[in-house]
PDB file of N, CA and C in Angstrom:
ATOM      1  N   MET A   1      63.516 -76.067  29.107  1.00  0.00           N
ATOM      2  CA  MET A   1      61.866 -76.187  28.850  1.00  0.00           C
ATOM      3  C   MET A   1      61.907 -77.389  28.198  1.00  0.00           C
ATOM      4  N   GLY A   2      60.984 -78.276  28.540  1.00  0.00           N
ATOM      5  CA  GLY A   2      60.349 -79.360  28.376  1.00  0.00           C
ATOM      6  C   GLY A   2      59.039 -79.192  27.290  1.00  0.00           C
ATOM      7  N   LYS A   3      58.840 -80.102  26.345  1.00  0.00           N
ATOM      8  CA  LYS A   3      57.432 -80.029  25.469  1.00  0.00           C
ATOM      9  C   LYS A   3      56.428 -80.595  26.216  1.00  0.00           C
ATOM     10  N   ASN A   4      55.584 -79.729  26.057  1.00  0.00           N
ATOM     11  CA  ASN A   4      53.867 -79.981  26.723  1.00  0.00           C
ATOM     12  C   ASN A   4      53.352 -80.323  25.277  1.00  0.00           C
ATOM     13  N   PRO A   5      52.649 -81.690  25.403  1.00  0.00           N
ATOM     14  CA  PRO A   5      51.571 -82.186  24.354  1.00  0.00           C
ATOM     15  C   PRO A   5      50.368 -80.996  24.181  1.00  0.00           C
ATOM     16  N   VAL A   6      49.784 -81.075  23.177  1.00  0.00           N
ATOM     17  CA  VAL A   6      48.967 -79.548  23.120  1.00  0.00           C
ATOM     18  C   VAL A   6      47.807 -80.938  22.564  1.00  0.00           C
ATOM     19  N   ARG A   7      46.510 -80.410  22.717  1.00  0.00           N
ATOM     20  CA  ARG A   7      45.554 -81.113  22.752  1.00  0.00           C
ATOM     21  C   ARG A   7      44.979 -80.324  21.049  1.00  0.00           C
ATOM     22  N   MET A   8      44.651 -80.863  19.828  1.00  0.00           N
ATOM     23  CA  MET A   8      44.260 -80.475  18.984  1.00  0.00           C
ATOM     24  C   MET A   8      42.914 -81.187  18.530  1.00  0.00           C
ATOM     25  N   LYS A   9      42.154 -80.235  17.824  1.00  0.00           N
ATOM     26  CA  LYS A   9      40.713 -80.948  17.771  1.00  0.00           C
ATOM     27  C   LYS A   9      40.404 -80.849  16.094  1.00  0.00           C
ATOM     28  N   ALA A  10      40.158 -81.872  15.407  1.00  0.00           N
ATOM     29  CA  ALA A  10      40.061 -81.884  14.109  1.00  0.00           C
ATOM     30  C   ALA A  10      38.361 -81.627  13.407  1.00  0.00           C
ATOM     31  N   VAL A  11      38.540 -80.420  12.281  1.00  0.00           N
ATOM     32  CA  VAL A  11      37.304 -79.477  12.458  1.00  0.00           C
ATOM     33  C   VAL A  11      36.988 -80.359  10.956  1.00  0.00           C
ATOM     34  N   VAL A  12      35.860 -80.866  10.318  1.00  0.00           N
ATOM     35  CA  VAL A  12      35.439 -81.566   8.941  1.00  0.00           C
ATOM     36  C   VAL A  12      34.303 -80.448   8.170  1.00  0.00           C
ATOM     37  N   TYR A  13      34.773 -79.902   7.265  1.00  0.00           N
ATOM     38  CA  TYR A  13      33.885 -78.960   6.745  1.00  0.00           C
ATOM     39  C   TYR A  13      33.116 -79.765   5.421  1.00  0.00           C
ATOM     40  N   ALA A  14      31.507 -79.992   5.346  1.00  0.00           N
ATOM     41  CA  ALA A  14      30.820 -80.637   4.618  1.00  0.00           C
ATOM     42  C   ALA A  14      29.969 -79.869   4.150  1.00  0.00           C
ATOM     43  N   LEU A  15      29.609 -80.144   2.769  1.00  0.00           N
ATOM     44  CA  LEU A  15      28.400 -79.480   2.468  1.00  0.00           C
ATOM     45  C   LEU A  15      27.104 -80.511   2.798  1.00  0.00           C
ATOM     46  N   SER A  16      25.916 -79.848   3.274  1.00  0.00           N
ATOM     47  CA  SER A  16      24.590 -80.291   3.704  1.00  0.00           C
ATOM     48  C   SER A  16      24.377 -80.885   2.270  1.00  0.00           C
ATOM     49  N   PRO A  17      23.148 -81.966   1.839  1.00  0.00           N
ATOM     50  CA  PRO A  17      22.520 -82.312   1.196  1.00  0.00           C
ATOM     51  C   PRO A  17      22.147 -81.155   0.572  1.00  0.00           C
ATOM     52  N   PHE A  18      21.089 -80.197   1.220  1.00  0.00           N
ATOM     53  CA  PHE A  18      20.531 -79.196   0.457  1.00  0.00           C
ATOM     54  C   PHE A  18      21.388 -78.040  -0.321  1.00  0.00           C
ATOM     55  N   GLN A  19      22.620 -77.864   0.377  1.00  0.00           N
ATOM     56  CA  GLN A  19      23.591 -77.148  -0.002  1.00  0.00           C
ATOM     57  C   GLN A  19      24.008 -77.553  -1.606  1.00  0.00           C
ATOM     58  N   GLN A  20      24.238 -78.769  -2.062  1.00  0.00           N
ATOM     59  CA  GLN A  20      24.641 -80.307  -2.438  1.00  0.00           C
ATOM     60  C   GLN A  20      23.482 -79.824  -4.129  1.00  0.00           C
ATOM     61  N   LYS A  21      21.959 -79.507  -3.468  1.00  0.00           N
ATOM     62  CA  LYS A  21      21.291 -79.369  -4.794  1.00  0.00           C
ATOM     63  C   LYS A  21      21.409 -78.221  -5.359  1.00  0.00           C
ATOM     64  N   VAL A  22      22.179 -77.208  -4.400  1.00  0.00           N
ATOM     65  CA  VAL A  22      21.996 -75.675  -5.018  1.00  0.00           C
ATOM     66  C   VAL A  22      23.177 -75.925  -6.036  1.00  0.00           C
ATOM     67  N   MET A  23      24.353 -76.472  -5.570  1.00  0.00           N
ATOM     68  CA  MET A  23      25.538 -76.600  -6.738  1.00  0.00           C
ATOM     69  C   MET A  23      25.099 -77.061  -7.959  1.00  0.00           C
ATOM     70  N   THR A  24      24.508 -78.109  -7.866  1.00  0.00           N
ATOM     71  CA  THR A  24      24.149 -78.908  -9.497  1.00  0.00           C
ATOM     72  C   THR A  24      23.599 -77.735 -10.048  1.00  0.00           C
ATOM     73  N   GLY A  25      22.297 -77.135  -9.111  1.00  0.00           N
ATOM     74  CA  GLY A  25      21.695 -75.655 -10.119  1.00  0.00           C
ATOM     75  C   GLY A  25      22.459 -74.445 -10.476  1.00  0.00           C
ATOM     76  N   LEU A  26      23.891 -74.731 -10.068  1.00  0.00           N
ATOM     77  CA  LEU A  26      24.681 -73.420 -10.597  1.00  0.00           C
ATOM     78  C   LEU A  26      24.826 -73.931 -11.939  1.00  0.00           C
ATOM     79  N   TRP A  27      25.232 -75.075 -12.920  1.00  0.00           N
ATOM     80  CA  TRP A  27      24.994 -75.409 -13.868  1.00  0.00           C
ATOM     81  C   TRP A  27      24.176 -75.766 -15.025  1.00  0.00           C
ATOM     82  N   LYS A  28      23.244 -75.234 -14.505  1.00  0.00           N
ATOM     83  CA  LYS A  28      22.140 -75.533 -15.132  1.00  0.00           C
ATOM     84  C   LYS A  28      21.848 -74.626 -16.320  1.00  0.00           C
ATOM     85  N   ASP A  29      21.584 -75.055 -17.133  1.00  0.00           N
ATOM     86  CA  ASP A  29      21.513 -73.756 -18.535  1.00  0.00           C
ATOM     87  C   ASP A  29      22.572 -72.881 -18.673  1.00  0.00           C
ATOM     88  N   ILE A  30      23.508 -73.446 -18.668  1.00  0.00           N
ATOM     89  CA  ILE A  30      24.871 -72.538 -18.809  1.00  0.00           C
ATOM     90  C   ILE A  30      25.061 -71.406 -20.250  1.00  0.00           C
ATOM     91  N   PRO A  31      24.223 -72.036 -21.398  1.00  0.00           N
ATOM     92  CA  PRO A  31      23.932 -71.428 -22.513  1.00  0.00           C
ATOM     93  C   PRO A  31      23.208 -70.302 -22.460  1.00  0.00           C
ATOM     94  N   GLY A  32      22.076 -70.434 -21.514  1.00  0.00           N
ATOM     95  CA  GLY A  32      20.987 -69.613 -21.506  1.00  0.00           C
ATOM     96  C   GLY A  32      21.728 -68.312 -20.348  1.00  0.00           C
ATOM     97  N   LYS A  33      22.347 -68.953 -19.605  1.00  0.00           N
ATOM     98  CA  LYS A  33      22.694 -67.739 -18.794  1.00  0.00           C
ATOM     99  C   LYS A  33      23.601 -66.837 -19.545  1.00  0.00           C
ATOM    100  N   ILE A  34      24.376 -67.530 -20.159  1.00  0.00           N
ATOM    101  CA  ILE A  34      25.610 -66.552 -20.634  1.00  0.00           C
ATOM    102  C   ILE A  34      24.957 -65.870 -21.587  1.00  0.00           C
ATOM    103  N   HIS A  35      23.881 -66.510 -22.607  1.00  0.00           N
ATOM    104  CA  HIS A  35      23.104 -65.580 -23.445  1.00  0.00           C
ATOM    105  C   HIS A  35      22.415 -64.132 -22.801  1.00  0.00           C
ATOM    106  N   GLN A  36      21.811 -64.496 -21.615  1.00  0.00           N
ATOM    107  CA  GLN A  36      20.961 -63.207 -20.886  1.00  0.00           C
ATOM    108  C   GLN A  36      22.555 -62.239 -20.349  1.00  0.00           C
ATOM    109  N   LYS A  37      23.428 -62.777 -20.090  1.00  0.00           N
ATOM    110  CA  LYS A  37      24.521 -61.648 -19.652  1.00  0.00           C
ATOM    111  C   LYS A  37      24.714 -60.916 -20.769  1.00  0.00           C
ATOM    112  N   VAL A  38      25.092 -61.130 -22.003  1.00  0.00           N
ATOM    113  CA  VAL A  38      25.225 -61.123 -22.699  1.00  0.00           C
ATOM    114  C   VAL A  38      23.916 -59.769 -23.497  1.00  0.00           C
ATOM    115  N   SER A  39      23.044 -60.721 -23.796  1.00  0.00           N
ATOM    116  CA  SER A  39      22.253 -59.660 -24.053  1.00  0.00           C
ATOM    117  C   SER A  39      21.979 -58.360 -23.298  1.00  0.00           C
ATOM    118  N   GLU A  40      22.134 -58.331 -22.029  1.00  0.00           N
ATOM    119  CA  GLU A  40      21.572 -56.994 -21.284  1.00  0.00           C
ATOM    120  C   GLU A  40      22.662 -56.502 -21.323  1.00  0.00           C
ATOM    121  N   ASN A  41      24.211 -57.080 -21.484  1.00  0.00           N
ATOM    122  CA  ASN A  41      25.728 -56.250 -21.191  1.00  0.00           C
ATOM    123  C   ASN A  41      26.142 -55.973 -22.985  1.00  0.00           C
ATOM    124  N   TRP A  42      25.064 -56.095 -23.541  1.00  0.00           N
ATOM    125  CA  TRP A  42      25.852 -56.078 -25.217  1.00  0.00           C
ATOM    126  C   TRP A  42      27.170 -55.094 -25.147  1.00  0.00           C
ATOM    127  N   ILE A  43      27.339 -54.057 -25.246  1.00  0.00           N
ATOM    128  CA  ILE A  43      28.102 -53.181 -25.124  1.00  0.00           C
ATOM    129  C   ILE A  43      29.237 -53.678 -24.545  1.00  0.00           C
ATOM    130  N   SER A  44      29.170 -53.820 -23.048  1.00  0.00           N
ATOM    131  CA  SER A  44      30.814 -54.109 -22.741  1.00  0.00           C
ATOM    132  C   SER A  44      31.428 -55.197 -23.112  1.00  0.00           C
ATOM    133  N   ALA A  45      30.379 -56.351 -23.542  1.00  0.00           N
ATOM    134  CA  ALA A  45      30.825 -57.778 -23.982  1.00  0.00           C
ATOM    135  C   ALA A  45      31.369 -57.471 -25.392  1.00  0.00           C
ATOM    136  N   SER A  46      30.787 -56.461 -25.849  1.00  0.00           N
ATOM    137  CA  SER A  46      31.452 -55.609 -27.512  1.00  0.00           C
ATOM    138  C   SER A  46      32.612 -55.333 -27.353  1.00  0.00           C
ATOM    139  N   LEU A  47      32.848 -54.319 -26.319  1.00  0.00           N
ATOM    140  CA  LEU A  47      33.919 -53.802 -25.846  1.00  0.00           C
ATOM    141  C   LEU A  47      35.222 -54.671 -25.170  1.00  0.00           C
ATOM    142  N   LEU A  48      34.912 -55.840 -24.911  1.00  0.00           N
ATOM    143  CA  LEU A  48      35.774 -56.498 -24.095  1.00  0.00           C
ATOM    144  C   LEU A  48      36.657 -57.240 -25.389  1.00  0.00           C
ATOM    145  N   LEU A  49      35.206 -58.177 -25.835  1.00  0.00           N
ATOM    146  CA  LEU A  49      35.811 -59.011 -27.356  1.00  0.00           C
ATOM    147  C   LEU A  49      36.311 -58.426 -28.410  1.00  0.00           C
ATOM    148  N   GLY A  50      35.956 -57.129 -29.135  1.00  0.00           N
ATOM    149  CA  GLY A  50      36.416 -56.491 -30.054  1.00  0.00           C
ATOM    150  C   GLY A  50      37.659 -56.306 -30.234  1.00  0.00           C
ATOM    151  N   PRO A  51      38.405 -55.811 -28.822  1.00  0.00           N
ATOM    152  CA  PRO A  51      39.620 -55.632 -28.774  1.00  0.00           C
ATOM    153  C   PRO A  51      40.547 -56.869 -29.183  1.00  0.00           C
ATOM    154  N   LEU A  52      39.933 -58.015 -28.121  1.00  0.00           N
ATOM    155  CA  LEU A  52      40.595 -59.575 -28.105  1.00  0.00           C
ATOM    156  C   LEU A  52      40.492 -60.542 -29.600  1.00  0.00           C
ATOM    157  N   VAL A  53      39.328 -60.295 -30.650  1.00  0.00           N
ATOM    158  CA  VAL A  53      38.830 -60.731 -31.750  1.00  0.00           C
ATOM    159  C   VAL A  53      40.072 -60.281 -32.462  1.00  0.00           C
ATOM    160  N   GLY A  54      40.215 -58.585 -32.518  1.00  0.00           N
ATOM    161  CA  GLY A  54      41.705 -58.134 -33.355  1.00  0.00           C
ATOM    162  C   GLY A  54      42.435 -58.228 -32.914  1.00  0.00           C
ATOM    163  N   THR A  55      43.087 -57.966 -32.263  1.00  0.00           N
ATOM    164  CA  THR A  55      44.121 -58.734 -31.382  1.00  0.00           C
ATOM    165  C   THR A  55      44.451 -60.168 -32.103  1.00  0.00           C
ATOM    166  N   TYR A  56      43.859 -60.746 -31.797  1.00  0.00           N
ATOM    167  CA  TYR A  56      44.108 -62.299 -32.239  1.00  0.00           C
ATOM    168  C   TYR A  56      44.440 -62.123 -33.983  1.00  0.00           C
ATOM    169  N   SER A  57      43.381 -61.901 -34.620  1.00  0.00           N
ATOM    170  CA  SER A  57      43.594 -61.786 -36.189  1.00  0.00           C
ATOM    171  C   SER A  57      44.981 -61.049 -36.374  1.00  0.00           C
ATOM    172  N   TYR A  58      45.259 -60.353 -35.666  1.00  0.00           N
ATOM    173  CA  TYR A  58      46.322 -58.953 -36.323  1.00  0.00           C
ATOM    174  C   TYR A  58      47.750 -60.182 -35.860  1.00  0.00           C
ATOM    175  N   VAL A  59      47.836 -60.848 -34.987  1.00  0.00           N
ATOM    176  CA  VAL A  59      48.834 -61.585 -34.659  1.00  0.00           C
ATOM    177  C   VAL A  59      48.950 -63.075 -35.580  1.00  0.00           C
ATOM    178  N   GLN A  60      47.863 -63.722 -35.823  1.00  0.00           N
ATOM    179  CA  GLN A  60      48.043 -64.368 -36.569  1.00  0.00           C
ATOM    180  C   GLN A  60      48.166 -64.103 -38.214  1.00  0.00           C
ATOM    181  N   ASN A  61      47.513 -62.950 -38.431  1.00  0.00           N
ATOM    182  CA  ASN A  61      47.762 -62.488 -39.836  1.00  0.00           C
ATOM    183  C   ASN A  61      49.561 -62.397 -40.116  1.00  0.00           C
ATOM    184  N   TYR A  62      50.382 -61.511 -38.869  1.00  0.00           N
ATOM    185  CA  TYR A  62      51.544 -61.569 -39.010  1.00  0.00           C
ATOM    186  C   TYR A  62      52.242 -62.671 -38.795  1.00  0.00           C
ATOM    187  N   LEU A  63      51.708 -63.378 -38.392  1.00  0.00           N
ATOM    188  CA  LEU A  63      52.431 -65.215 -38.171  1.00  0.00           C
ATOM    189  C   LEU A  63      52.171 -65.624 -39.749  1.00  0.00           C
ATOM    190  N   GLU A  64      51.464 -65.424 -40.717  1.00  0.00           N
ATOM    191  CA  GLU A  64      50.975 -65.534 -41.600  1.00  0.00           C
ATOM    192  C   GLU A  64      51.880 -65.045 -42.456  1.00  0.00           C
ATOM    193  N   LYS A  65      52.429 -64.009 -42.242  1.00  0.00           N
ATOM    194  CA  LYS A  65      52.896 -63.419 -43.735  1.00  0.00           C
ATOM    195  C   LYS A  65      54.643 -63.544 -43.187  1.00  0.00           C
ATOM    196  N   GLU A  66      54.700 -63.656 -42.303  1.00  0.00           N
ATOM    197  CA  GLU A  66      56.130 -63.844 -41.770  1.00  0.00           C
ATOM    198  C   GLU A  66      56.600 -65.263 -42.054  1.00  0.00           C
ATOM    199  N   LYS A  67      55.846 -66.633 -42.180  1.00  0.00           N
ATOM    200  CA  LYS A  67      56.081 -67.724 -42.631  1.00  0.00           C
ATOM    201  C   LYS A  67      55.999 -67.620 -44.093  1.00  0.00           C
ATOM    202  N   LEU A  68      55.710 -66.854 -45.271  1.00  0.00           N
ATOM    203  CA  LEU A  68      55.712 -66.815 -46.741  1.00  0.00           C
ATOM    204  C   LEU A  68      56.350 -65.812 -47.066  1.00  0.00           C
ATOM    205  N   GLU A  69      57.092 -65.169 -45.856  1.00  0.00           N
ATOM    206  CA  GLU A  69      58.249 -64.032 -46.544  1.00  0.00           C
ATOM    207  C   GLU A  69      59.615 -64.520 -46.993  1.00  0.00           C
ATOM    208  N   HIS A  70      59.811 -65.477 -46.247  1.00  0.00           N
ATOM    209  CA  HIS A  70      60.834 -66.261 -47.073  1.00  0.00           C
ATOM    210  C   HIS A  70      61.356 -66.966 -48.522  1.00  0.00           C
ATOM    211  N   ARG A  71      59.590 -67.312 -49.048  1.00  0.00           N
ATOM    212  CA  ARG A  71      59.359 -67.524 -50.058  1.00  0.00           C
ATOM    213  C   ARG A  71      59.707 -66.757 -51.550  1.00  0.00           C
ATOM    214  N   TYR A  72      59.839 -65.172 -50.935  1.00  0.00           N
ATOM    215  CA  TYR A  72      60.229 -64.762 -52.344  1.00  0.00           C
ATOM    216  C   TYR A  72      61.403 -63.813 -52.258  1.00  0.00           C
TER     217      TYR A  72
END
């Protein structure tokens, strides 16, 4: 069996100028958007951040105690 050449089309995807303006709008006022989301969902945010902060502080305290343990 011989090899037959196959024609392929090149497809190029690009954003239109209108979509590019929308993309820059997504990054405007990030702190304001984060504040709005947290103020609307403060219970969920506290339930997410509480265990994370607690675990991090526990690990840091444990590591510090482990460093100082050999001094005694």
